[in-house]
Amino acid sequence: MDLGYSFARCLRSFALIRRTIVRAVMMSAVLASGAFLAGCNGNDASLASNAKANQPVPPKLVAAMTEKDMELQSPILIRLFKQEAELEVWKQNRSGKFALLKTYPICRWSGDLGPKTREGDRQAPEGFYSISPAQMNPRSAYYLSFNTGYPNAFDKSLGRTGSELMVHGDCSSRGCYAMTDEQIAEIYALGRESFFGGQHAFQFQAYPFHMTPVNLAKHRNNPNMPFWKMIKEGSDHFEVTHQAPKVEFCEHKYVFDPAPPPGSTRPLEFNASAACPAYVVPDDIASAVREKQQRDNAELAKLISKGTPVAKLNTGIDGGMNRVFAAKLPEGQTGLSDPVEPGLKNTAFSPAPGTIPPTVNPPRGSAAATVATSFEPEADVTRPSSSLLAPSPPNNIFTNLASKIGFGAADTTATTRQPAPAKPKTATPARSAPHGPTVAAKHAAPRKTTETAAGKVARPEHVATARPPSKPAAATDAPTPNPGAAPVASTGSFDSRFSAFR
């Protein structure tokens, strides 16, 4: 009986692997044929030859899906935790519930614990966001990427600003979440397959840390605690149901799993800046969440009464890095990514998953944050496109097909980076520039992007400025250029590849 079951499971795993490889080859062939029939349309030809975006899900990961009773194209959900520097991919199994498929260590994130509030604050966002096919960027300058969707309606209702906040490769961040190229290739492929399977958008949940009583006790004096308690409710909804909570916004707050009151015949209408409509949370969800919160609050009160130490302020540290990457870098530190708290499962990672580029800038401790080395400037570059797969004009059946499966035309093309020797300059204080310390430099050939969305040219908001060689002034945001000005990154270190948009 067991032998027969194992044999059947192996056959199913093999079929899934074969299906994804064959379909990826067929899709490339279809797009290539479309390009030929349309007179070698440039967009189609580029998509057909985009090996990065068409990589199949690795056989080992397909086998893990089979083991966990998941379909290759079933919906996904992503959760991310700054302090632990971990990104989780959850996938729906055949029972209809989400189960954890794989945990990825984050190579680099920037800013502090807490939500992003304004353009140029270097913060990686926190909250609940929705990722559609149009937010997937197969031509990212940072290997592959997807746009988090910040700001959402809640952020906008509070006047929060920011743009192009991504999860991408390249292992370096100035307001984003950076993985290795190999990691983002897997994550991108999982998202792509879920869209092929019919998922219209997957949920992206970003947290400062695992929302446990221990972490809440340690950060109880943090001014962001009211916001964190609000998004913890969404985390609780997910953890008790293993379903993606429905997210709405009203009265400048998040609302999770709202439903019309009994007897109501009108659909609920939400406005993030307006009063909440009358709604209820289904009894089964509400009672399970209430029980969990009661347990968490009791444990939290106990930890506080025992005098759990309050987390220290980490002045001079910008963001964090998972320990598996920090251990591979000279003088590498995890920064704000603390070790896993006692009692929480310590995820076992294999050796650093992917190639760590020489340009990665690990966080520095406050004691080491007084000296940083500056380097010769790299070639001027422009930012990646913010349009991210804006659909190209439907001039043939194949471009329509590409748009429908989430590979709409984008105007961002990452060019090959040409390394050049770096010459050290005078050391400057680590916090003297808005982009933080740099420990290595990567030089690139000029990249040119034309950002379009629905046929309109996107207006750049900021110009990236270079690190001043000897001015230890406090960090300031980059100035806003005149409307229509081309986004130009001034000469500087590796930091100038990332403008002050984030």
Foldseek 3Di string as FASTA:
>chain_A
DVVVVVVVLVVVLVVLVVVLVVVLLVLLVLLCVVCVVVVNPPQSPCVSPLCLLSPGQDSVLSSLCSVVQAHLQFAWAWEAAFQQQKIWIWGQHPVRFTDTRDIARFLWAWAAFAAAAEFQRQAAHAFKAKFFLLQWFSFALQRTKGARHPPDLLNVLVVGAFADAIEGEQSAGRHHTYHHNLVVSNVSNSNLSNLVVPDGIYMYGYHNHPPALLVCLQAVVPPRSVVRVQRVLQVLLCVQGSDRWDWAADCSGIDTQWAQDPPDDDGFDHHNDHHGDDTDHPPVSVVSSVVVVVVRVVVNVVCVVVPNHHDDDQPLWITAGNPLNQVVDVQADGGSNDQDDPPDDRDDDDRRDHDNDPFNDHIDGPVPQFWAWWKWWADKEFHFARSRQAADPCPDPSSVVCVSSSNHGFFFHNDDFDADDIDTDDIGGQQQESRGHTHAATHGDYGDGFHDHPRDTDWDFFEAEARDRYDSHGYDAGDGDDTPDGHIQDTTGNSSNDGSSD
